[in-house]
Amino acid sequence: MDHHPPLPNSPTSWPSFCSQPLASGDDSHSAEELRQALLRTTLELESTRFIAHEELRRLEAHAHHLSHLLDLASRERDEARLHAHTLLLLLDHRHRPAPASSSSEDESSPAAAAAAVAEEEMEAAARKRGLPEKGRLLEAVMRAGPLLQTLMLAGPLPEWRHPPPAMQGFEIPPVVMNAGGRRSRKGSPELDSENKVSF
């Protein structure tokens, strides 16, 4: 049905008819549609924002998990590298040939260990004292008496690593104690003068 009022018979009454407002029902219907459309758009926007936020949280958790796995792999790599280095050192130590001057039995015996300790003590004492002065070799040997006794009790003397050259015709003159308690070598002028007997 047409709700509009009937057209007037007179043309002079047409302007007043055109200036009449539309019905209020059409305005309320269009405003309700706009409100519904705005609500749907707002809900879609909130849903999209929530989905994006959840996706971001999922990606951050995945990145954190990957970082943790990378740390574990790096730690296992370092431990494996250290273990391999230790095994290589052990294999190198086991396959290293023994020195020709001593056998494995000599190295494991207590006498060899004591001789090695005595050799170290002797080398340390030699480095500390240095070479004896000229003419004081016998005094240095007498002073080293306790060390020599310790070496004799410890076992056989260690072998020379670099033996000194052989000396021929060298002889230490015997020491003679005179009446004054002074030591002198045989053949010295001091001893000959004291042993002279006047008739």
N, C-alpha and C. Protein backbone atom coordinates (compact mmCIF):
# COMPACT_ATOMS: atom_id res chain seq x y z
N MET A 1 0.84 -1.19 0.00
CA MET A 1 0.00 0.00 0.00
C MET A 1 0.87 1.23 0.00
N ASP A 2 0.36 2.22 -0.62
CA ASP A 2 1.10 3.48 -0.69
C ASP A 2 0.64 4.37 0.44
N HIS A 3 1.56 4.73 1.32
CA HIS A 3 1.23 5.55 2.48
C HIS A 3 1.32 7.03 2.19
N HIS A 4 1.84 7.38 1.03
CA HIS A 4 1.95 8.81 0.70
C HIS A 4 0.55 9.41 0.52
N PRO A 5 0.37 10.68 0.86
CA PRO A 5 -0.94 11.32 0.67
C PRO A 5 -1.26 11.51 -0.81
N PRO A 6 -2.46 11.54 -1.16
CA PRO A 6 -2.81 11.70 -2.59
C PRO A 6 -2.41 13.06 -3.11
N LEU A 7 -2.06 13.03 -4.40
CA LEU A 7 -1.62 14.26 -5.04
C LEU A 7 -2.79 15.24 -5.11
N PRO A 8 -2.52 16.48 -4.93
CA PRO A 8 -3.60 17.47 -5.02
C PRO A 8 -4.05 17.68 -6.46
N ASN A 9 -5.27 18.07 -6.59
CA ASN A 9 -5.81 18.31 -7.92
C ASN A 9 -5.27 19.58 -8.55
N SER A 10 -4.98 20.58 -7.76
CA SER A 10 -4.53 21.85 -8.31
C SER A 10 -3.02 21.88 -8.39
N PRO A 11 -2.44 22.34 -9.53
CA PRO A 11 -0.98 22.43 -9.63
C PRO A 11 -0.41 23.46 -8.71
N THR A 12 -1.18 24.41 -8.25
CA THR A 12 -0.65 25.42 -7.35
C THR A 12 -0.33 24.87 -5.98
N SER A 13 -0.90 23.78 -5.68
CA SER A 13 -0.63 23.17 -4.37
C SER A 13 0.53 22.18 -4.41
N TRP A 14 1.30 22.00 -5.53
CA TRP A 14 2.40 21.04 -5.62
C TRP A 14 3.62 21.45 -4.81
N PRO A 15 3.99 22.72 -4.71
CA PRO A 15 5.19 23.05 -3.91
C PRO A 15 5.00 22.72 -2.45
N SER A 16 3.79 22.95 -1.95
CA SER A 16 3.58 22.61 -0.55
C SER A 16 3.64 21.11 -0.32
N PHE A 17 3.32 20.33 -1.30
CA PHE A 17 3.40 18.88 -1.19
C PHE A 17 4.85 18.40 -1.21
N CYS A 18 5.66 18.97 -2.06
CA CYS A 18 7.08 18.54 -2.16
C CYS A 18 7.87 18.91 -0.93
N SER A 19 7.46 19.94 -0.24
CA SER A 19 8.21 20.35 0.94
C SER A 19 7.86 19.57 2.19
N GLN A 20 6.97 18.60 2.15
CA GLN A 20 6.62 17.80 3.31
C GLN A 20 7.77 16.83 3.65
N PRO A 21 8.16 16.61 4.98
CA PRO A 21 9.26 15.69 5.33
C PRO A 21 8.87 14.23 5.16
N LEU A 22 9.94 13.35 5.10
CA LEU A 22 9.69 11.92 4.98
C LEU A 22 9.24 11.36 6.31
N ALA A 23 8.80 10.17 6.31
CA ALA A 23 8.33 9.53 7.54
C ALA A 23 9.51 9.21 8.44
N SER A 24 9.34 9.27 9.75
CA SER A 24 10.42 9.02 10.72
C SER A 24 10.81 7.56 10.79
N GLY A 25 10.02 6.65 10.34
CA GLY A 25 10.36 5.22 10.36
C GLY A 25 11.54 4.89 9.47
N ASP A 26 11.69 5.54 8.35
CA ASP A 26 12.84 5.29 7.47
C ASP A 26 14.14 5.74 8.12
N ASP A 27 14.17 6.86 8.82
CA ASP A 27 15.39 7.33 9.49
C ASP A 27 15.82 6.38 10.60
N SER A 28 14.92 5.93 11.38
CA SER A 28 15.29 5.01 12.47
C SER A 28 15.79 3.68 11.94
N HIS A 29 15.23 3.25 10.81
CA HIS A 29 15.67 1.98 10.22
C HIS A 29 17.11 2.09 9.71
N SER A 30 17.45 3.16 9.03
CA SER A 30 18.82 3.35 8.53
C SER A 30 19.82 3.55 9.66
N ALA A 31 19.48 4.21 10.74
CA ALA A 31 20.39 4.39 11.89
C ALA A 31 20.66 3.06 12.58
N GLU A 32 19.64 2.22 12.68
CA GLU A 32 19.83 0.90 13.30
C GLU A 32 20.76 0.04 12.45
N GLU A 33 20.62 0.13 11.14
CA GLU A 33 21.53 -0.62 10.26
C GLU A 33 22.97 -0.14 10.42
N LEU A 34 23.14 1.18 10.56
CA LEU A 34 24.49 1.72 10.75
C LEU A 34 25.09 1.26 12.08
N ARG A 35 24.26 1.22 13.12
CA ARG A 35 24.77 0.75 14.42
C ARG A 35 25.15 -0.73 14.35
N GLN A 36 24.37 -1.51 13.69
CA GLN A 36 24.69 -2.93 13.56
C GLN A 36 25.98 -3.13 12.76
N ALA A 37 26.14 -2.36 11.69
CA ALA A 37 27.36 -2.48 10.88
C ALA A 37 28.59 -2.05 11.67
N LEU A 38 28.45 -0.97 12.46
CA LEU A 38 29.57 -0.52 13.29
C LEU A 38 29.92 -1.54 14.36
N LEU A 39 28.93 -2.18 14.94
CA LEU A 39 29.19 -3.21 15.95
C LEU A 39 29.89 -4.42 15.34
N ARG A 40 29.44 -4.82 14.15
CA ARG A 40 30.10 -5.95 13.48
C ARG A 40 31.55 -5.61 13.15
N THR A 41 31.79 -4.41 12.68
CA THR A 41 33.17 -4.01 12.35
C THR A 41 34.05 -3.97 13.60
N THR A 42 33.49 -3.47 14.71
CA THR A 42 34.26 -3.43 15.96
C THR A 42 34.59 -4.83 16.45
N LEU A 43 33.62 -5.74 16.38
CA LEU A 43 33.87 -7.12 16.80
C LEU A 43 34.92 -7.79 15.91
N GLU A 44 34.84 -7.57 14.61
CA GLU A 44 35.84 -8.14 13.71
C GLU A 44 37.23 -7.58 14.01
N LEU A 45 37.31 -6.28 14.31
CA LEU A 45 38.61 -5.68 14.63
C LEU A 45 39.18 -6.25 15.92
N GLU A 46 38.34 -6.41 16.95
CA GLU A 46 38.82 -6.99 18.20
C GLU A 46 39.24 -8.44 18.01
N SER A 47 38.49 -9.18 17.21
CA SER A 47 38.86 -10.57 16.94
C SER A 47 40.19 -10.66 16.20
N THR A 48 40.38 -9.78 15.21
CA THR A 48 41.65 -9.78 14.48
C THR A 48 42.82 -9.39 15.39
N ARG A 49 42.58 -8.41 16.26
CA ARG A 49 43.63 -8.00 17.19
C ARG A 49 43.98 -9.13 18.17
N PHE A 50 42.97 -9.86 18.66
CA PHE A 50 43.23 -10.98 19.57
C PHE A 50 44.00 -12.09 18.88
N ILE A 51 43.62 -12.39 17.63
CA ILE A 51 44.32 -13.44 16.88
C ILE A 51 45.78 -13.05 16.64
N ALA A 52 46.02 -11.78 16.30
CA ALA A 52 47.39 -11.32 16.07
C ALA A 52 48.22 -11.38 17.36
N HIS A 53 47.58 -11.03 18.48
CA HIS A 53 48.30 -11.08 19.76
C HIS A 53 48.66 -12.52 20.13
N GLU A 54 47.72 -13.45 19.92
CA GLU A 54 48.01 -14.86 20.21
C GLU A 54 49.09 -15.40 19.28
N GLU A 55 49.08 -15.00 18.03
CA GLU A 55 50.12 -15.45 17.10
C GLU A 55 51.49 -14.91 17.51
N LEU A 56 51.52 -13.67 17.98
CA LEU A 56 52.79 -13.09 18.43
C LEU A 56 53.32 -13.83 19.66
N ARG A 57 52.43 -14.15 20.60
CA ARG A 57 52.85 -14.91 21.78
C ARG A 57 53.37 -16.29 21.38
N ARG A 58 52.71 -16.93 20.41
CA ARG A 58 53.16 -18.25 19.97
C ARG A 58 54.54 -18.18 19.32
N LEU A 59 54.76 -17.15 18.51
CA LEU A 59 56.07 -16.99 17.87
C LEU A 59 57.16 -16.69 18.90
N GLU A 60 56.86 -15.89 19.91
CA GLU A 60 57.85 -15.61 20.95
C GLU A 60 58.19 -16.87 21.75
N ALA A 61 57.19 -17.67 22.08
CA ALA A 61 57.45 -18.93 22.79
C ALA A 61 58.28 -19.88 21.94
N HIS A 62 57.99 -19.93 20.64
CA HIS A 62 58.77 -20.79 19.74
C HIS A 62 60.21 -20.31 19.64
N ALA A 63 60.41 -19.00 19.56
CA ALA A 63 61.78 -18.45 19.51
C ALA A 63 62.53 -18.74 20.81
N HIS A 64 61.85 -18.64 21.95
CA HIS A 64 62.49 -18.95 23.23
C HIS A 64 62.87 -20.42 23.30
N HIS A 65 62.01 -21.30 22.78
CA HIS A 65 62.32 -22.73 22.76
C HIS A 65 63.52 -23.02 21.87
N LEU A 66 63.58 -22.38 20.71
CA LEU A 66 64.72 -22.58 19.81
C LEU A 66 66.01 -22.06 20.44
N SER A 67 65.95 -20.95 21.16
CA SER A 67 67.14 -20.43 21.83
C SER A 67 67.61 -21.39 22.92
N HIS A 68 66.67 -21.99 23.64
CA HIS A 68 67.04 -22.97 24.67
C HIS A 68 67.70 -24.20 24.04
N LEU A 69 67.16 -24.67 22.92
CA LEU A 69 67.76 -25.81 22.22
C LEU A 69 69.16 -25.47 21.71
N LEU A 70 69.35 -24.24 21.25
CA LEU A 70 70.67 -23.83 20.77
C LEU A 70 71.68 -23.80 21.92
N ASP A 71 71.26 -23.34 23.09
CA ASP A 71 72.16 -23.34 24.25
C ASP A 71 72.53 -24.76 24.65
N LEU A 72 71.56 -25.67 24.64
CA LEU A 72 71.85 -27.06 24.98
C LEU A 72 72.82 -27.68 23.97
N ALA A 73 72.60 -27.41 22.69
CA ALA A 73 73.49 -27.96 21.66
C ALA A 73 74.90 -27.40 21.80
N SER A 74 75.03 -26.12 22.11
CA SER A 74 76.36 -25.53 22.29
C SER A 74 77.06 -26.12 23.50
N ARG A 75 76.31 -26.35 24.58
CA ARG A 75 76.91 -26.94 25.77
C ARG A 75 77.37 -28.38 25.51
N GLU A 76 76.53 -29.16 24.82
CA GLU A 76 76.92 -30.53 24.48
C GLU A 76 78.12 -30.54 23.55
N ARG A 77 78.18 -29.58 22.62
CA ARG A 77 79.34 -29.51 21.72
C ARG A 77 80.62 -29.23 22.49
N ASP A 78 80.57 -28.29 23.45
CA ASP A 78 81.76 -27.98 24.24
C ASP A 78 82.19 -29.17 25.09
N GLU A 79 81.22 -29.88 25.70
CA GLU A 79 81.57 -31.05 26.50
C GLU A 79 82.17 -32.15 25.63
N ALA A 80 81.60 -32.37 24.46
CA ALA A 80 82.15 -33.38 23.55
C ALA A 80 83.55 -33.01 23.08
N ARG A 81 83.77 -31.73 22.82
CA ARG A 81 85.10 -31.29 22.39
C ARG A 81 86.13 -31.50 23.50
N LEU A 82 85.76 -31.18 24.75
CA LEU A 82 86.66 -31.39 25.87
C LEU A 82 86.93 -32.87 26.09
N HIS A 83 85.90 -33.70 25.96
CA HIS A 83 86.08 -35.14 26.13
C HIS A 83 86.99 -35.70 25.05
N ALA A 84 86.80 -35.26 23.81
CA ALA A 84 87.66 -35.73 22.72
C ALA A 84 89.10 -35.29 22.92
N HIS A 85 89.30 -34.07 23.41
CA HIS A 85 90.66 -33.59 23.68
C HIS A 85 91.33 -34.43 24.77
N THR A 86 90.56 -34.78 25.81
CA THR A 86 91.11 -35.62 26.88
C THR A 86 91.47 -37.00 26.36
N LEU A 87 90.61 -37.58 25.53
CA LEU A 87 90.90 -38.90 24.96
C LEU A 87 92.14 -38.86 24.07
N LEU A 88 92.28 -37.80 23.30
CA LEU A 88 93.47 -37.69 22.45
C LEU A 88 94.74 -37.59 23.29
N LEU A 89 94.69 -36.86 24.40
CA LEU A 89 95.85 -36.78 25.27
C LEU A 89 96.18 -38.13 25.88
N LEU A 90 95.15 -38.89 26.30
CA LEU A 90 95.39 -40.21 26.87
C LEU A 90 95.97 -41.16 25.83
N LEU A 91 95.44 -41.13 24.62
CA LEU A 91 95.98 -41.99 23.57
C LEU A 91 97.41 -41.61 23.23
N ASP A 92 97.70 -40.33 23.18
CA ASP A 92 99.06 -39.89 22.90
C ASP A 92 100.02 -40.31 24.01
N HIS A 93 99.54 -40.25 25.26
CA HIS A 93 100.40 -40.65 26.38
C HIS A 93 100.63 -42.15 26.39
N ARG A 94 99.62 -42.94 26.00
CA ARG A 94 99.79 -44.40 26.00
C ARG A 94 100.67 -44.87 24.85
N HIS A 95 100.54 -44.25 23.70
CA HIS A 95 101.31 -44.68 22.53
C HIS A 95 102.68 -44.03 22.44
N ARG A 96 103.02 -43.19 23.40
CA ARG A 96 104.33 -42.55 23.36
C ARG A 96 105.40 -43.58 23.69
N PRO A 97 106.48 -43.74 22.88
CA PRO A 97 107.50 -44.75 23.16
C PRO A 97 108.29 -44.41 24.41
N ALA A 98 108.65 -45.47 25.14
CA ALA A 98 109.43 -45.30 26.36
C ALA A 98 110.87 -44.94 26.01
N PRO A 99 111.59 -44.20 26.85
CA PRO A 99 112.99 -43.88 26.57
C PRO A 99 113.85 -45.12 26.53
N ALA A 100 114.89 -45.08 25.68
CA ALA A 100 115.73 -46.25 25.49
C ALA A 100 116.60 -46.55 26.69
N SER A 101 116.90 -45.59 27.53
CA SER A 101 117.81 -45.81 28.65
C SER A 101 117.16 -46.55 29.80
N SER A 102 115.82 -46.57 29.88
CA SER A 102 115.16 -47.22 31.00
C SER A 102 113.93 -47.94 30.51
N SER A 103 113.63 -49.08 31.10
CA SER A 103 112.46 -49.87 30.73
C SER A 103 111.28 -49.50 31.60
N SER A 104 110.11 -50.07 31.27
CA SER A 104 108.91 -49.76 32.05
C SER A 104 109.00 -50.37 33.44
N GLU A 105 109.70 -51.49 33.59
CA GLU A 105 109.83 -52.09 34.91
C GLU A 105 110.68 -51.22 35.83
N ASP A 106 111.72 -50.62 35.26
CA ASP A 106 112.56 -49.75 36.07
C ASP A 106 111.80 -48.51 36.51
N GLU A 107 110.91 -48.00 35.63
CA GLU A 107 110.18 -46.79 35.99
C GLU A 107 109.17 -47.05 37.09
N SER A 108 108.62 -48.28 37.12
CA SER A 108 107.61 -48.59 38.14
C SER A 108 108.22 -49.06 39.45
N SER A 109 109.51 -49.31 39.50
CA SER A 109 110.11 -49.82 40.73
C SER A 109 110.38 -48.67 41.70
N PRO A 110 110.36 -48.95 43.02
CA PRO A 110 110.65 -47.89 44.00
C PRO A 110 112.07 -47.36 43.90
N ALA A 111 113.01 -48.23 43.52
CA ALA A 111 114.40 -47.78 43.42
C ALA A 111 114.55 -46.73 42.33
N ALA A 112 113.86 -46.93 41.22
CA ALA A 112 113.94 -45.94 40.14
C ALA A 112 113.32 -44.62 40.56
N ALA A 113 112.21 -44.70 41.30
CA ALA A 113 111.58 -43.47 41.77
C ALA A 113 112.49 -42.73 42.74
N ALA A 114 113.12 -43.48 43.66
CA ALA A 114 114.03 -42.84 44.60
C ALA A 114 115.25 -42.25 43.89
N ALA A 115 115.73 -42.95 42.86
CA ALA A 115 116.86 -42.43 42.11
C ALA A 115 116.49 -41.15 41.37
N ALA A 116 115.26 -41.11 40.84
CA ALA A 116 114.82 -39.89 40.16
C ALA A 116 114.72 -38.72 41.12
N VAL A 117 114.21 -38.98 42.33
CA VAL A 117 114.12 -37.92 43.33
C VAL A 117 115.51 -37.44 43.72
N ALA A 118 116.42 -38.40 43.93
CA ALA A 118 117.78 -38.03 44.30
C ALA A 118 118.47 -37.24 43.19
N GLU A 119 118.17 -37.61 41.94
CA GLU A 119 118.77 -36.88 40.82
C GLU A 119 118.26 -35.44 40.78
N GLU A 120 116.96 -35.27 41.05
CA GLU A 120 116.43 -33.91 41.08
C GLU A 120 117.05 -33.09 42.20
N GLU A 121 117.23 -33.73 43.39
CA GLU A 121 117.86 -33.01 44.50
C GLU A 121 119.30 -32.64 44.16
N MET A 122 119.99 -33.55 43.50
CA MET A 122 121.39 -33.29 43.16
C MET A 122 121.49 -32.15 42.14
N GLU A 123 120.59 -32.16 41.15
CA GLU A 123 120.62 -31.09 40.16
C GLU A 123 120.26 -29.75 40.79
N ALA A 124 119.29 -29.76 41.71
CA ALA A 124 118.92 -28.52 42.38
C ALA A 124 120.06 -27.98 43.23
N ALA A 125 120.74 -28.89 43.94
CA ALA A 125 121.87 -28.45 44.76
C ALA A 125 123.01 -27.93 43.89
N ALA A 126 123.22 -28.58 42.73
CA ALA A 126 124.29 -28.12 41.84
C ALA A 126 123.98 -26.74 41.26
N ARG A 127 122.72 -26.53 40.90
CA ARG A 127 122.36 -25.21 40.38
C ARG A 127 122.47 -24.13 41.46
N LYS A 128 122.17 -24.51 42.70
CA LYS A 128 122.21 -23.52 43.78
C LYS A 128 123.64 -23.17 44.16
N ARG A 129 124.50 -24.18 44.25
CA ARG A 129 125.87 -23.93 44.71
C ARG A 129 126.79 -23.49 43.59
N GLY A 130 126.57 -24.00 42.41
CA GLY A 130 127.48 -23.68 41.33
C GLY A 130 128.73 -24.54 41.39
N LEU A 131 129.67 -24.24 40.51
CA LEU A 131 130.92 -25.01 40.47
C LEU A 131 131.84 -24.60 41.62
N PRO A 132 132.58 -25.56 42.17
CA PRO A 132 133.52 -25.19 43.24
C PRO A 132 134.67 -24.35 42.70
N GLU A 133 135.26 -23.58 43.59
CA GLU A 133 136.40 -22.77 43.19
C GLU A 133 137.61 -23.66 42.90
N LYS A 134 138.51 -23.07 42.19
CA LYS A 134 139.71 -23.82 41.83
C LYS A 134 140.51 -24.16 43.08
N GLY A 135 140.84 -25.43 43.23
CA GLY A 135 141.58 -25.89 44.40
C GLY A 135 140.70 -26.30 45.57
N ARG A 136 139.38 -26.19 45.46
CA ARG A 136 138.47 -26.56 46.55
C ARG A 136 137.53 -27.70 46.14
N LEU A 137 137.96 -28.54 45.21
CA LEU A 137 137.13 -29.65 44.78
C LEU A 137 136.96 -30.67 45.90
N LEU A 138 138.03 -30.99 46.59
CA LEU A 138 137.96 -31.97 47.67
C LEU A 138 137.05 -31.48 48.79
N GLU A 139 137.15 -30.19 49.11
CA GLU A 139 136.29 -29.63 50.15
C GLU A 139 134.81 -29.71 49.74
N ALA A 140 134.53 -29.47 48.47
CA ALA A 140 133.15 -29.58 48.00
C ALA A 140 132.64 -31.01 48.06
N VAL A 141 133.53 -31.97 47.76
CA VAL A 141 133.13 -33.38 47.84
C VAL A 141 132.87 -33.78 49.28
N MET A 142 133.72 -33.34 50.21
CA MET A 142 133.52 -33.66 51.62
C MET A 142 132.25 -33.00 52.16
N ARG A 143 131.97 -31.82 51.68
CA ARG A 143 130.76 -31.14 52.13
C ARG A 143 129.50 -31.83 51.60
N ALA A 144 129.60 -32.47 50.46
CA ALA A 144 128.46 -33.19 49.88
C ALA A 144 128.37 -34.61 50.36
N GLY A 145 129.05 -34.94 51.44
CA GLY A 145 129.01 -36.31 51.98
C GLY A 145 127.63 -36.80 52.33
N PRO A 146 126.82 -36.05 53.09
CA PRO A 146 125.47 -36.53 53.41
C PRO A 146 124.61 -36.78 52.18
N LEU A 147 124.76 -35.94 51.16
CA LEU A 147 123.99 -36.15 49.95
C LEU A 147 124.41 -37.43 49.24
N LEU A 148 125.71 -37.69 49.21
CA LEU A 148 126.19 -38.92 48.61
C LEU A 148 125.71 -40.13 49.39
N GLN A 149 125.70 -40.02 50.72
CA GLN A 149 125.22 -41.13 51.54
C GLN A 149 123.73 -41.39 51.27
N THR A 150 122.98 -40.33 51.11
CA THR A 150 121.56 -40.49 50.79
C THR A 150 121.38 -41.17 49.44
N LEU A 151 122.21 -40.81 48.49
CA LEU A 151 122.11 -41.44 47.18
C LEU A 151 122.47 -42.92 47.25
N MET A 152 123.44 -43.26 48.07
CA MET A 152 123.82 -44.66 48.20
C MET A 152 122.72 -45.48 48.86
N LEU A 153 122.04 -44.89 49.85
CA LEU A 153 120.94 -45.61 50.49
C LEU A 153 119.72 -45.69 49.60
N ALA A 154 119.52 -44.71 48.75
CA ALA A 154 118.33 -44.70 47.91
C ALA A 154 118.39 -45.76 46.83
N GLY A 155 119.54 -46.15 46.42
CA GLY A 155 119.64 -47.15 45.37
C GLY A 155 120.75 -46.79 44.40
N PRO A 156 120.72 -47.39 43.23
CA PRO A 156 121.77 -47.11 42.25
C PRO A 156 121.71 -45.67 41.78
N LEU A 157 122.89 -45.16 41.48
CA LEU A 157 122.98 -43.78 41.01
C LEU A 157 122.35 -43.66 39.62
N PRO A 158 121.73 -42.55 39.34
CA PRO A 158 121.14 -42.39 38.00
C PRO A 158 122.22 -42.30 36.94
N GLU A 159 121.83 -42.71 35.75
CA GLU A 159 122.77 -42.67 34.64
C GLU A 159 122.94 -41.24 34.15
N TRP A 160 124.12 -40.99 33.58
CA TRP A 160 124.40 -39.67 33.03
C TRP A 160 123.58 -39.45 31.77
N ARG A 161 122.96 -38.30 31.68
CA ARG A 161 122.30 -37.93 30.42
C ARG A 161 123.32 -37.45 29.40
N HIS A 162 124.25 -36.64 29.87
CA HIS A 162 125.35 -36.14 29.04
C HIS A 162 126.64 -36.41 29.81
N PRO A 163 127.24 -37.57 29.64
CA PRO A 163 128.43 -37.90 30.44
C PRO A 163 129.59 -36.98 30.12
N PRO A 164 130.39 -36.65 31.12
CA PRO A 164 131.56 -35.79 30.86
C PRO A 164 132.64 -36.56 30.11
N PRO A 165 133.51 -35.85 29.45
CA PRO A 165 134.58 -36.55 28.72
C PRO A 165 135.53 -37.26 29.69
N ALA A 166 136.07 -38.36 29.22
CA ALA A 166 136.99 -39.14 30.05
C ALA A 166 138.29 -38.37 30.25
N MET A 167 138.78 -38.38 31.50
CA MET A 167 140.02 -37.68 31.84
C MET A 167 141.08 -38.73 32.19
N GLN A 168 142.20 -38.62 31.56
CA GLN A 168 143.29 -39.57 31.76
C GLN A 168 144.40 -38.93 32.57
N GLY A 169 144.96 -39.72 33.45
CA GLY A 169 146.10 -39.25 34.23
C GLY A 169 145.71 -38.29 35.34
N PHE A 170 144.43 -38.21 35.72
CA PHE A 170 144.01 -37.30 36.80
C PHE A 170 143.90 -38.09 38.08
N GLU A 171 144.50 -37.58 39.14
CA GLU A 171 144.49 -38.28 40.43
C GLU A 171 144.44 -37.24 41.53
N ILE A 172 143.55 -37.44 42.48
CA ILE A 172 143.45 -36.53 43.62
C ILE A 172 144.51 -36.93 44.63
N PRO A 173 145.36 -36.01 45.05
CA PRO A 173 146.41 -36.37 46.03
C PRO A 173 145.78 -36.66 47.38
N PRO A 174 146.34 -37.60 48.13
CA PRO A 174 145.79 -37.93 49.46
C PRO A 174 145.98 -36.78 50.43
N VAL A 175 145.07 -36.71 51.39
CA VAL A 175 145.11 -35.67 52.41
C VAL A 175 145.74 -36.24 53.67
N VAL A 176 146.68 -35.50 54.25
CA VAL A 176 147.38 -35.93 55.47
C VAL A 176 147.08 -34.91 56.56
N MET A 177 146.68 -35.39 57.73
CA MET A 177 146.43 -34.53 58.88
C MET A 177 147.74 -34.34 59.64
N ASN A 178 148.15 -33.09 59.89
CA ASN A 178 149.37 -32.83 60.65
C ASN A 178 149.04 -32.65 62.12
N ALA A 179 150.01 -32.37 62.89
CA ALA A 179 149.84 -32.28 64.34
C ALA A 179 148.99 -31.08 64.74
N GLY A 180 149.00 -30.02 63.99
CA GLY A 180 148.22 -28.83 64.33
C GLY A 180 146.76 -28.93 63.94
N GLY A 181 146.34 -30.07 63.41
CA GLY A 181 144.95 -30.23 63.02
C GLY A 181 144.64 -29.66 61.66
N ARG A 182 145.67 -29.18 60.94
CA ARG A 182 145.45 -28.63 59.62
C ARG A 182 145.65 -29.70 58.57
N ARG A 183 144.81 -29.63 57.55
CA ARG A 183 144.92 -30.60 56.47
C ARG A 183 145.78 -30.03 55.36
N SER A 184 146.58 -30.88 54.80
CA SER A 184 147.40 -30.46 53.66
C SER A 184 147.61 -31.65 52.77
N ARG A 185 147.90 -31.36 51.51
CA ARG A 185 148.14 -32.43 50.55
C ARG A 185 149.58 -32.90 50.64
N LYS A 186 149.73 -34.16 50.30
CA LYS A 186 151.07 -34.75 50.30
C LYS A 186 151.90 -34.10 49.21
N GLY A 187 153.11 -33.74 49.59
CA GLY A 187 154.01 -33.10 48.64
C GLY A 187 153.98 -31.61 48.70
N SER A 188 153.13 -31.00 49.59
CA SER A 188 153.09 -29.55 49.71
C SER A 188 154.28 -29.07 50.51
N PRO A 189 154.76 -27.85 50.31
CA PRO A 189 155.93 -27.34 51.03
C PRO A 189 155.68 -27.25 52.52
N GLU A 190 154.41 -26.98 52.92
CA GLU A 190 154.11 -26.82 54.34
C GLU A 190 154.31 -28.14 55.08
N LEU A 191 153.85 -29.24 54.46
CA LEU A 191 154.00 -30.54 55.09
C LEU A 191 155.45 -30.99 55.09
N ASP A 192 156.19 -30.70 54.03
CA ASP A 192 157.59 -31.11 53.98
C ASP A 192 158.41 -30.38 55.02
N SER A 193 158.09 -29.11 55.27
CA SER A 193 158.86 -28.36 56.26
C SER A 193 158.57 -28.84 57.66
N GLU A 194 157.30 -29.28 57.93
CA GLU A 194 156.99 -29.76 59.27
C GLU A 194 157.54 -31.15 59.52
N ASN A 195 157.68 -31.94 58.44
CA ASN A 195 158.18 -33.31 58.61
C ASN A 195 159.70 -33.39 58.61
N LYS A 196 160.35 -32.25 58.43
CA LYS A 196 161.82 -32.29 58.46
C LYS A 196 162.31 -32.54 59.88
N VAL A 197 163.25 -33.40 59.99
CA VAL A 197 163.83 -33.75 61.31
C VAL A 197 165.28 -33.29 61.31
N SER A 198 165.63 -32.50 62.31
CA SER A 198 167.02 -32.00 62.41
C SER A 198 167.82 -32.92 63.30
N PHE A 199 169.00 -33.30 62.91
CA PHE A 199 169.90 -34.16 63.68
C PHE A 199 170.96 -33.31 64.31
